[in-house]
Amino acid sequence: MKTCLAVLLCVLSIVVSKASAFEIILSEQQVNDMLQVGFPVRQTYQDIDLTFSDPKVNIQGATSNVKIKSVILAQQNGQKLRAIASVQGQINYNQKEQVIEIIKPSLLEFTILDNSIAQSEQAINALKQAIGQRLPMIFLLDVKQLNQFLPGMQPKNIALRGRTLVINF
């Protein structure tokens, strides 16, 4: 239901910019609503189970960068460490996969909220070592969802304008 609402909001944001072109303008809140569909994300890193949840996008149109803040839960042998991390990267449209993604993301900072891992140095050091390092691509939006309402239309360009994501068809 949340996905349908987010897609409906996208469709309602369509503006005719030229006689045969469409522009979809998504606010930060709409991007956040659509992003929730892909979370939580679970990964294993150095024998630590990681869960990323509650992502919040911050669009920085002047710099063409996007920041995402997420809660990270690290679990090892039943013990937990919870932190908030900020990642920054560049917005990109992957035409082959038909997704909008964040490329060249890097970890900016993290703050530990609580920690019950007795030997947490490994987890904390792994996070510290990742600051400033490139991370794997981050999936942001699936353009195929929009194709349900605009069949056959492919984005020609995406851009950040102010605190919005603009998709030109």
N, C-alpha and C. Protein backbone atom coordinates (compact mmCIF):
# COMPACT_ATOMS: atom_id res chain seq x y z
N MET A 1 0.82 -1.19 0.00
CA MET A 1 0.00 0.00 0.00
C MET A 1 0.86 1.26 0.00
N LYS A 2 1.96 1.23 0.79
CA LYS A 2 2.86 2.36 0.84
C LYS A 2 3.48 2.61 -0.53
N THR A 3 3.83 1.51 -1.24
CA THR A 3 4.41 1.64 -2.57
C THR A 3 3.42 2.29 -3.52
N CYS A 4 2.17 1.85 -3.48
CA CYS A 4 1.16 2.43 -4.37
C CYS A 4 0.97 3.91 -4.08
N LEU A 5 0.99 4.29 -2.81
CA LEU A 5 0.84 5.68 -2.43
C LEU A 5 2.01 6.50 -2.95
N ALA A 6 3.22 5.96 -2.81
CA ALA A 6 4.40 6.67 -3.28
C ALA A 6 4.35 6.85 -4.79
N VAL A 7 3.97 5.81 -5.52
CA VAL A 7 3.88 5.89 -6.97
C VAL A 7 2.79 6.88 -7.37
N LEU A 8 1.67 6.86 -6.67
CA LEU A 8 0.59 7.80 -6.95
C LEU A 8 1.07 9.23 -6.75
N LEU A 9 1.82 9.46 -5.67
CA LEU A 9 2.37 10.80 -5.44
C LEU A 9 3.28 11.21 -6.58
N CYS A 10 4.06 10.26 -7.09
CA CYS A 10 4.93 10.55 -8.23
C CYS A 10 4.13 10.97 -9.44
N VAL A 11 3.08 10.23 -9.73
CA VAL A 11 2.25 10.52 -10.89
C VAL A 11 1.58 11.88 -10.75
N LEU A 12 1.16 12.19 -9.53
CA LEU A 12 0.54 13.48 -9.29
C LEU A 12 1.54 14.63 -9.43
N SER A 13 2.83 14.33 -9.37
CA SER A 13 3.88 15.34 -9.48
C SER A 13 4.29 15.60 -10.92
N ILE A 14 3.66 14.95 -11.88
CA ILE A 14 4.04 15.11 -13.29
C ILE A 14 3.67 16.51 -13.77
N VAL A 15 4.64 17.14 -14.42
CA VAL A 15 4.44 18.47 -14.98
C VAL A 15 4.81 18.39 -16.45
N VAL A 16 3.96 18.93 -17.32
CA VAL A 16 4.29 18.96 -18.73
C VAL A 16 5.23 20.15 -18.94
N SER A 17 6.48 19.88 -19.31
CA SER A 17 7.45 20.96 -19.47
C SER A 17 7.59 21.39 -20.93
N LYS A 18 7.32 20.48 -21.84
CA LYS A 18 7.34 20.78 -23.27
C LYS A 18 6.19 20.01 -23.89
N ALA A 19 5.90 20.27 -25.11
CA ALA A 19 4.75 19.64 -25.75
C ALA A 19 4.80 18.12 -25.67
N SER A 20 5.97 17.51 -25.82
CA SER A 20 6.02 16.06 -25.83
C SER A 20 6.89 15.49 -24.70
N ALA A 21 7.28 16.30 -23.74
CA ALA A 21 8.15 15.82 -22.68
C ALA A 21 7.45 15.93 -21.33
N PHE A 22 7.82 15.02 -20.45
CA PHE A 22 7.28 15.04 -19.10
C PHE A 22 8.42 15.23 -18.11
N GLU A 23 8.08 15.79 -17.01
CA GLU A 23 9.02 15.96 -15.92
C GLU A 23 8.33 15.51 -14.65
N ILE A 24 8.95 14.59 -13.94
CA ILE A 24 8.43 14.17 -12.65
C ILE A 24 9.32 14.78 -11.58
N ILE A 25 8.69 15.47 -10.66
CA ILE A 25 9.43 16.11 -9.58
C ILE A 25 9.07 15.41 -8.28
N LEU A 26 10.09 14.84 -7.64
CA LEU A 26 9.88 14.12 -6.38
C LEU A 26 10.51 14.91 -5.24
N SER A 27 9.73 15.17 -4.22
CA SER A 27 10.27 15.85 -3.04
C SER A 27 11.12 14.86 -2.24
N GLU A 28 11.88 15.38 -1.30
CA GLU A 28 12.65 14.52 -0.42
C GLU A 28 11.75 13.50 0.28
N GLN A 29 10.59 13.94 0.73
CA GLN A 29 9.67 13.05 1.44
C GLN A 29 9.18 11.93 0.51
N GLN A 30 8.88 12.25 -0.73
CA GLN A 30 8.43 11.22 -1.67
C GLN A 30 9.54 10.21 -1.95
N VAL A 31 10.79 10.69 -2.08
CA VAL A 31 11.92 9.78 -2.28
C VAL A 31 12.07 8.89 -1.05
N ASN A 32 11.95 9.49 0.14
CA ASN A 32 12.04 8.69 1.37
C ASN A 32 10.95 7.64 1.44
N ASP A 33 9.73 7.99 1.06
CA ASP A 33 8.62 7.03 1.07
C ASP A 33 8.90 5.85 0.13
N MET A 34 9.44 6.14 -1.05
CA MET A 34 9.74 5.08 -2.01
C MET A 34 10.93 4.25 -1.55
N LEU A 35 11.89 4.88 -0.89
CA LEU A 35 13.08 4.18 -0.42
C LEU A 35 12.76 3.16 0.65
N GLN A 36 11.74 3.41 1.45
CA GLN A 36 11.36 2.50 2.53
C GLN A 36 11.04 1.10 2.02
N VAL A 37 10.61 1.00 0.77
CA VAL A 37 10.23 -0.30 0.19
C VAL A 37 11.41 -1.28 0.18
N GLY A 38 12.62 -0.78 -0.04
CA GLY A 38 13.79 -1.64 -0.13
C GLY A 38 14.49 -1.92 1.19
N PHE A 39 13.94 -1.44 2.28
CA PHE A 39 14.59 -1.61 3.59
C PHE A 39 13.72 -2.45 4.50
N PRO A 40 14.29 -3.15 5.46
CA PRO A 40 15.69 -3.16 5.85
C PRO A 40 16.55 -3.97 4.89
N VAL A 41 17.84 -3.62 4.87
CA VAL A 41 18.84 -4.32 4.07
C VAL A 41 19.74 -5.07 5.04
N ARG A 42 19.98 -6.36 4.74
CA ARG A 42 20.81 -7.19 5.61
C ARG A 42 22.05 -7.66 4.85
N GLN A 43 23.20 -7.59 5.53
CA GLN A 43 24.47 -8.03 4.96
C GLN A 43 25.30 -8.64 6.07
N THR A 44 26.30 -9.43 5.68
CA THR A 44 27.28 -9.95 6.62
C THR A 44 28.64 -9.40 6.23
N TYR A 45 29.37 -8.89 7.21
CA TYR A 45 30.68 -8.32 6.97
C TYR A 45 31.60 -8.74 8.11
N GLN A 46 32.67 -9.45 7.79
CA GLN A 46 33.64 -9.94 8.77
C GLN A 46 32.95 -10.64 9.95
N ASP A 47 32.08 -11.59 9.64
CA ASP A 47 31.34 -12.38 10.63
C ASP A 47 30.41 -11.55 11.52
N ILE A 48 30.05 -10.38 11.06
CA ILE A 48 29.11 -9.52 11.79
C ILE A 48 27.87 -9.37 10.92
N ASP A 49 26.69 -9.67 11.47
CA ASP A 49 25.43 -9.49 10.76
C ASP A 49 25.02 -8.02 10.88
N LEU A 50 24.85 -7.37 9.72
CA LEU A 50 24.49 -5.96 9.70
C LEU A 50 23.09 -5.80 9.13
N THR A 51 22.29 -4.94 9.77
CA THR A 51 20.97 -4.59 9.27
C THR A 51 20.90 -3.07 9.17
N PHE A 52 20.58 -2.58 7.97
CA PHE A 52 20.42 -1.15 7.73
C PHE A 52 18.92 -0.87 7.66
N SER A 53 18.46 0.11 8.44
CA SER A 53 17.03 0.42 8.46
C SER A 53 16.81 1.92 8.61
N ASP A 54 15.56 2.31 8.50
CA ASP A 54 15.13 3.71 8.70
C ASP A 54 15.95 4.72 7.90
N PRO A 55 16.07 4.53 6.58
CA PRO A 55 16.87 5.48 5.80
C PRO A 55 16.15 6.83 5.65
N LYS A 56 16.93 7.88 5.68
CA LYS A 56 16.42 9.23 5.46
C LYS A 56 17.33 9.91 4.44
N VAL A 57 16.73 10.32 3.32
CA VAL A 57 17.47 10.96 2.23
C VAL A 57 17.50 12.46 2.46
N ASN A 58 18.66 13.05 2.17
CA ASN A 58 18.81 14.50 2.20
C ASN A 58 19.35 14.88 0.83
N ILE A 59 18.53 15.57 0.04
CA ILE A 59 18.92 15.96 -1.32
C ILE A 59 19.63 17.30 -1.26
N GLN A 60 20.80 17.35 -1.88
CA GLN A 60 21.60 18.57 -1.91
C GLN A 60 21.79 18.99 -3.35
N GLY A 61 20.76 19.63 -3.92
CA GLY A 61 20.75 19.97 -5.34
C GLY A 61 21.91 20.82 -5.79
N ALA A 62 22.39 21.72 -4.93
CA ALA A 62 23.48 22.61 -5.32
C ALA A 62 24.77 21.85 -5.58
N THR A 63 24.93 20.68 -4.94
CA THR A 63 26.17 19.92 -5.10
C THR A 63 25.98 18.64 -5.91
N SER A 64 24.76 18.34 -6.32
CA SER A 64 24.42 17.10 -7.04
C SER A 64 24.71 15.85 -6.21
N ASN A 65 24.75 15.99 -4.91
CA ASN A 65 24.98 14.86 -4.03
C ASN A 65 23.72 14.54 -3.23
N VAL A 66 23.67 13.31 -2.78
CA VAL A 66 22.59 12.85 -1.92
C VAL A 66 23.23 12.27 -0.67
N LYS A 67 22.66 12.60 0.48
CA LYS A 67 23.10 11.99 1.73
C LYS A 67 22.00 11.08 2.22
N ILE A 68 22.39 9.94 2.77
CA ILE A 68 21.43 9.04 3.39
C ILE A 68 21.92 8.75 4.80
N LYS A 69 21.02 8.94 5.75
CA LYS A 69 21.29 8.57 7.13
C LYS A 69 20.51 7.30 7.39
N SER A 70 21.13 6.34 8.05
CA SER A 70 20.49 5.06 8.30
C SER A 70 20.91 4.52 9.66
N VAL A 71 20.00 3.77 10.27
CA VAL A 71 20.34 3.07 11.50
C VAL A 71 21.01 1.76 11.10
N ILE A 72 22.14 1.45 11.76
CA ILE A 72 22.85 0.20 11.52
C ILE A 72 22.81 -0.62 12.80
N LEU A 73 22.36 -1.85 12.66
CA LEU A 73 22.37 -2.79 13.78
C LEU A 73 23.39 -3.87 13.45
N ALA A 74 24.45 -3.95 14.26
CA ALA A 74 25.48 -4.99 14.10
C ALA A 74 25.25 -6.03 15.18
N GLN A 75 25.15 -7.32 14.75
CA GLN A 75 24.91 -8.40 15.70
C GLN A 75 25.98 -9.47 15.56
N GLN A 76 26.47 -9.90 16.71
CA GLN A 76 27.50 -10.94 16.73
C GLN A 76 27.30 -11.77 17.99
N ASN A 77 27.08 -13.07 17.81
CA ASN A 77 26.88 -13.99 18.93
C ASN A 77 25.80 -13.51 19.90
N GLY A 78 24.69 -12.99 19.36
CA GLY A 78 23.58 -12.57 20.20
C GLY A 78 23.75 -11.19 20.83
N GLN A 79 24.89 -10.58 20.64
CA GLN A 79 25.13 -9.25 21.19
C GLN A 79 24.93 -8.22 20.08
N LYS A 80 24.63 -6.95 20.49
CA LYS A 80 24.26 -5.95 19.49
C LYS A 80 24.98 -4.63 19.69
N LEU A 81 25.23 -3.97 18.57
CA LEU A 81 25.72 -2.60 18.55
C LEU A 81 24.81 -1.86 17.58
N ARG A 82 24.27 -0.73 18.02
CA ARG A 82 23.38 0.07 17.17
C ARG A 82 24.00 1.44 16.97
N ALA A 83 24.01 1.90 15.71
CA ALA A 83 24.62 3.19 15.37
C ALA A 83 23.81 3.88 14.29
N ILE A 84 24.04 5.16 14.13
CA ILE A 84 23.48 5.92 13.01
C ILE A 84 24.66 6.29 12.12
N ALA A 85 24.53 6.04 10.82
CA ALA A 85 25.60 6.33 9.88
C ALA A 85 25.09 7.26 8.78
N SER A 86 25.97 8.12 8.29
CA SER A 86 25.66 9.00 7.16
C SER A 86 26.55 8.63 5.99
N VAL A 87 25.93 8.47 4.83
CA VAL A 87 26.61 8.12 3.58
C VAL A 87 26.29 9.19 2.55
N GLN A 88 27.27 9.55 1.73
CA GLN A 88 27.05 10.53 0.68
C GLN A 88 27.52 9.97 -0.65
N GLY A 89 26.78 10.28 -1.72
CA GLY A 89 27.18 9.84 -3.06
C GLY A 89 26.49 10.66 -4.13
N GLN A 90 26.74 10.29 -5.38
CA GLN A 90 26.19 10.99 -6.52
C GLN A 90 25.01 10.22 -7.09
N ILE A 91 24.02 10.93 -7.55
CA ILE A 91 22.82 10.33 -8.12
C ILE A 91 23.13 9.90 -9.57
N ASN A 92 22.60 8.75 -9.97
CA ASN A 92 22.85 8.22 -11.32
C ASN A 92 21.63 7.42 -11.77
N TYR A 93 21.33 7.52 -13.07
CA TYR A 93 20.29 6.67 -13.65
C TYR A 93 20.97 5.53 -14.39
N ASN A 94 20.73 4.30 -13.95
CA ASN A 94 21.27 3.11 -14.59
C ASN A 94 20.22 2.64 -15.59
N GLN A 95 20.43 2.98 -16.85
CA GLN A 95 19.43 2.69 -17.89
C GLN A 95 19.23 1.19 -18.08
N LYS A 96 20.30 0.42 -18.00
CA LYS A 96 20.19 -1.02 -18.20
C LYS A 96 19.29 -1.66 -17.15
N GLU A 97 19.49 -1.31 -15.89
CA GLU A 97 18.70 -1.87 -14.79
C GLU A 97 17.42 -1.09 -14.52
N GLN A 98 17.29 0.08 -15.13
CA GLN A 98 16.16 0.98 -14.93
C GLN A 98 15.95 1.34 -13.46
N VAL A 99 17.05 1.74 -12.83
CA VAL A 99 16.99 2.17 -11.43
C VAL A 99 17.77 3.47 -11.28
N ILE A 100 17.33 4.25 -10.32
CA ILE A 100 18.09 5.42 -9.91
C ILE A 100 18.89 4.98 -8.70
N GLU A 101 20.19 5.23 -8.75
CA GLU A 101 21.08 4.71 -7.72
C GLU A 101 22.01 5.81 -7.24
N ILE A 102 22.64 5.53 -6.13
CA ILE A 102 23.68 6.42 -5.62
C ILE A 102 25.01 5.74 -5.91
N ILE A 103 25.81 6.39 -6.74
CA ILE A 103 27.11 5.82 -7.09
C ILE A 103 28.21 6.53 -6.29
N LYS A 104 29.32 5.85 -6.15
CA LYS A 104 30.46 6.35 -5.41
C LYS A 104 30.09 6.78 -3.99
N PRO A 105 29.24 5.98 -3.31
CA PRO A 105 28.90 6.38 -1.95
C PRO A 105 30.09 6.18 -1.01
N SER A 106 30.18 7.07 -0.04
CA SER A 106 31.21 6.91 0.98
C SER A 106 30.61 7.22 2.35
N LEU A 107 31.13 6.53 3.34
CA LEU A 107 30.68 6.73 4.71
C LEU A 107 31.28 8.03 5.23
N LEU A 108 30.40 8.94 5.69
CA LEU A 108 30.86 10.22 6.21
C LEU A 108 31.14 10.16 7.71
N GLU A 109 30.20 9.55 8.44
CA GLU A 109 30.33 9.50 9.90
C GLU A 109 29.39 8.45 10.47
N PHE A 110 29.64 8.10 11.72
CA PHE A 110 28.72 7.23 12.43
C PHE A 110 28.75 7.59 13.91
N THR A 111 27.63 7.37 14.56
CA THR A 111 27.50 7.62 15.99
C THR A 111 26.93 6.37 16.63
N ILE A 112 27.60 5.86 17.65
CA ILE A 112 27.11 4.67 18.35
C ILE A 112 26.01 5.08 19.31
N LEU A 113 24.86 4.41 19.18
CA LEU A 113 23.71 4.69 20.06
C LEU A 113 23.73 3.80 21.29
N ASP A 114 23.93 2.51 21.11
CA ASP A 114 24.09 1.58 22.22
C ASP A 114 24.93 0.39 21.77
N ASN A 115 25.56 -0.23 22.77
CA ASN A 115 26.51 -1.28 22.46
C ASN A 115 26.52 -2.32 23.57
N SER A 116 26.13 -3.55 23.24
CA SER A 116 26.19 -4.64 24.22
C SER A 116 27.16 -5.74 23.78
N ILE A 117 27.96 -5.45 22.74
CA ILE A 117 28.94 -6.42 22.26
C ILE A 117 30.17 -6.33 23.17
N ALA A 118 30.46 -7.41 23.86
CA ALA A 118 31.56 -7.43 24.83
C ALA A 118 32.89 -7.10 24.15
N GLN A 119 33.15 -7.71 23.03
CA GLN A 119 34.39 -7.48 22.28
C GLN A 119 34.03 -6.70 21.01
N SER A 120 33.64 -5.45 21.16
CA SER A 120 33.11 -4.67 20.04
C SER A 120 34.19 -3.95 19.24
N GLU A 121 35.44 -4.07 19.63
CA GLU A 121 36.50 -3.35 18.93
C GLU A 121 36.51 -3.67 17.44
N GLN A 122 36.28 -4.95 17.09
CA GLN A 122 36.30 -5.35 15.68
C GLN A 122 35.22 -4.62 14.90
N ALA A 123 34.01 -4.58 15.44
CA ALA A 123 32.90 -3.90 14.75
C ALA A 123 33.15 -2.40 14.65
N ILE A 124 33.61 -1.80 15.73
CA ILE A 124 33.86 -0.35 15.74
C ILE A 124 35.02 -0.01 14.79
N ASN A 125 36.07 -0.80 14.82
CA ASN A 125 37.20 -0.57 13.92
C ASN A 125 36.81 -0.73 12.46
N ALA A 126 35.94 -1.70 12.17
CA ALA A 126 35.47 -1.88 10.78
C ALA A 126 34.72 -0.64 10.32
N LEU A 127 33.88 -0.08 11.20
CA LEU A 127 33.16 1.15 10.84
C LEU A 127 34.14 2.32 10.68
N LYS A 128 35.09 2.47 11.59
CA LYS A 128 36.06 3.56 11.50
C LYS A 128 36.88 3.46 10.22
N GLN A 129 37.28 2.24 9.85
CA GLN A 129 38.07 2.05 8.63
C GLN A 129 37.27 2.37 7.37
N ALA A 130 35.96 2.28 7.46
CA ALA A 130 35.11 2.54 6.30
C ALA A 130 34.87 4.03 6.07
N ILE A 131 35.15 4.90 7.06
CA ILE A 131 34.93 6.34 6.88
C ILE A 131 35.81 6.84 5.74
N GLY A 132 35.16 7.53 4.80
CA GLY A 132 35.86 8.07 3.64
C GLY A 132 36.09 7.07 2.53
N GLN A 133 35.81 5.80 2.78
CA GLN A 133 36.03 4.77 1.78
C GLN A 133 34.79 4.60 0.90
N ARG A 134 35.02 4.15 -0.31
CA ARG A 134 33.92 3.87 -1.22
C ARG A 134 33.17 2.63 -0.76
N LEU A 135 31.86 2.71 -0.84
CA LEU A 135 30.98 1.60 -0.49
C LEU A 135 30.32 1.10 -1.76
N PRO A 136 29.66 -0.05 -1.71
CA PRO A 136 28.94 -0.52 -2.91
C PRO A 136 27.81 0.44 -3.27
N MET A 137 27.43 0.42 -4.54
CA MET A 137 26.32 1.23 -5.04
C MET A 137 25.09 1.03 -4.15
N ILE A 138 24.31 2.09 -3.99
CA ILE A 138 23.09 2.04 -3.19
C ILE A 138 21.89 2.24 -4.12
N PHE A 139 20.97 1.29 -4.10
CA PHE A 139 19.74 1.37 -4.87
C PHE A 139 18.85 2.44 -4.25
N LEU A 140 18.32 3.34 -5.07
CA LEU A 140 17.45 4.40 -4.56
C LEU A 140 16.01 4.22 -5.01
N LEU A 141 15.76 4.22 -6.32
CA LEU A 141 14.40 4.10 -6.83
C LEU A 141 14.35 3.18 -8.05
N ASP A 142 13.27 2.42 -8.15
CA ASP A 142 13.04 1.53 -9.28
C ASP A 142 12.14 2.25 -10.28
N VAL A 143 12.70 2.63 -11.41
CA VAL A 143 11.96 3.38 -12.43
C VAL A 143 10.86 2.51 -13.05
N LYS A 144 11.02 1.18 -12.98
CA LYS A 144 9.99 0.29 -13.55
C LYS A 144 8.64 0.52 -12.87
N GLN A 145 8.63 0.97 -11.63
CA GLN A 145 7.37 1.29 -10.94
C GLN A 145 6.63 2.40 -11.68
N LEU A 146 7.40 3.39 -12.17
CA LEU A 146 6.78 4.50 -12.88
C LEU A 146 6.25 4.07 -14.24
N ASN A 147 6.88 3.03 -14.83
CA ASN A 147 6.44 2.55 -16.15
C ASN A 147 5.04 1.97 -16.13
N GLN A 148 4.53 1.61 -14.95
CA GLN A 148 3.14 1.15 -14.85
C GLN A 148 2.19 2.27 -15.27
N PHE A 149 2.58 3.51 -14.99
CA PHE A 149 1.72 4.65 -15.30
C PHE A 149 2.14 5.36 -16.57
N LEU A 150 3.40 5.17 -16.98
CA LEU A 150 3.92 5.78 -18.20
C LEU A 150 4.57 4.70 -19.05
N PRO A 151 3.77 3.76 -19.60
CA PRO A 151 4.34 2.63 -20.32
C PRO A 151 5.22 3.07 -21.49
N GLY A 152 6.38 2.42 -21.59
CA GLY A 152 7.29 2.69 -22.69
C GLY A 152 8.13 3.94 -22.53
N MET A 153 7.86 4.76 -21.55
CA MET A 153 8.62 5.99 -21.35
C MET A 153 9.90 5.67 -20.56
N GLN A 154 11.03 6.15 -21.05
CA GLN A 154 12.31 5.97 -20.37
C GLN A 154 12.86 7.35 -19.98
N PRO A 155 13.40 7.46 -18.78
CA PRO A 155 14.02 8.74 -18.40
C PRO A 155 15.14 9.11 -19.35
N LYS A 156 15.20 10.38 -19.69
CA LYS A 156 16.27 10.89 -20.53
C LYS A 156 17.34 11.54 -19.67
N ASN A 157 16.92 12.05 -18.52
CA ASN A 157 17.85 12.76 -17.65
C ASN A 157 17.28 12.78 -16.24
N ILE A 158 18.16 12.76 -15.28
CA ILE A 158 17.76 12.97 -13.89
C ILE A 158 18.66 14.07 -13.33
N ALA A 159 18.11 14.84 -12.43
CA ALA A 159 18.88 15.93 -11.83
C ALA A 159 18.32 16.23 -10.45
N LEU A 160 19.15 16.88 -9.66
CA LEU A 160 18.72 17.37 -8.37
C LEU A 160 18.50 18.86 -8.51
N ARG A 161 17.34 19.31 -8.06
CA ARG A 161 17.02 20.73 -8.14
C ARG A 161 16.50 21.14 -6.77
N GLY A 162 17.28 21.98 -6.11
CA GLY A 162 16.87 22.35 -4.75
C GLY A 162 16.86 21.12 -3.88
N ARG A 163 15.72 20.83 -3.26
CA ARG A 163 15.57 19.65 -2.42
C ARG A 163 14.65 18.63 -3.09
N THR A 164 14.72 18.59 -4.45
CA THR A 164 13.88 17.66 -5.21
C THR A 164 14.73 16.86 -6.20
N LEU A 165 14.18 15.71 -6.57
CA LEU A 165 14.76 14.87 -7.62
C LEU A 165 13.87 15.04 -8.84
N VAL A 166 14.47 15.43 -9.96
CA VAL A 166 13.71 15.71 -11.18
C VAL A 166 14.06 14.63 -12.21
N ILE A 167 13.02 13.96 -12.73
CA ILE A 167 13.21 12.94 -13.75
C ILE A 167 12.57 13.46 -15.04
N ASN A 168 13.35 13.60 -16.10
CA ASN A 168 12.86 14.06 -17.39
C ASN A 168 12.66 12.87 -18.31
N PHE A 169 11.49 12.82 -18.95
CA PHE A 169 11.16 11.77 -19.91
C PHE A 169 11.09 12.36 -21.30
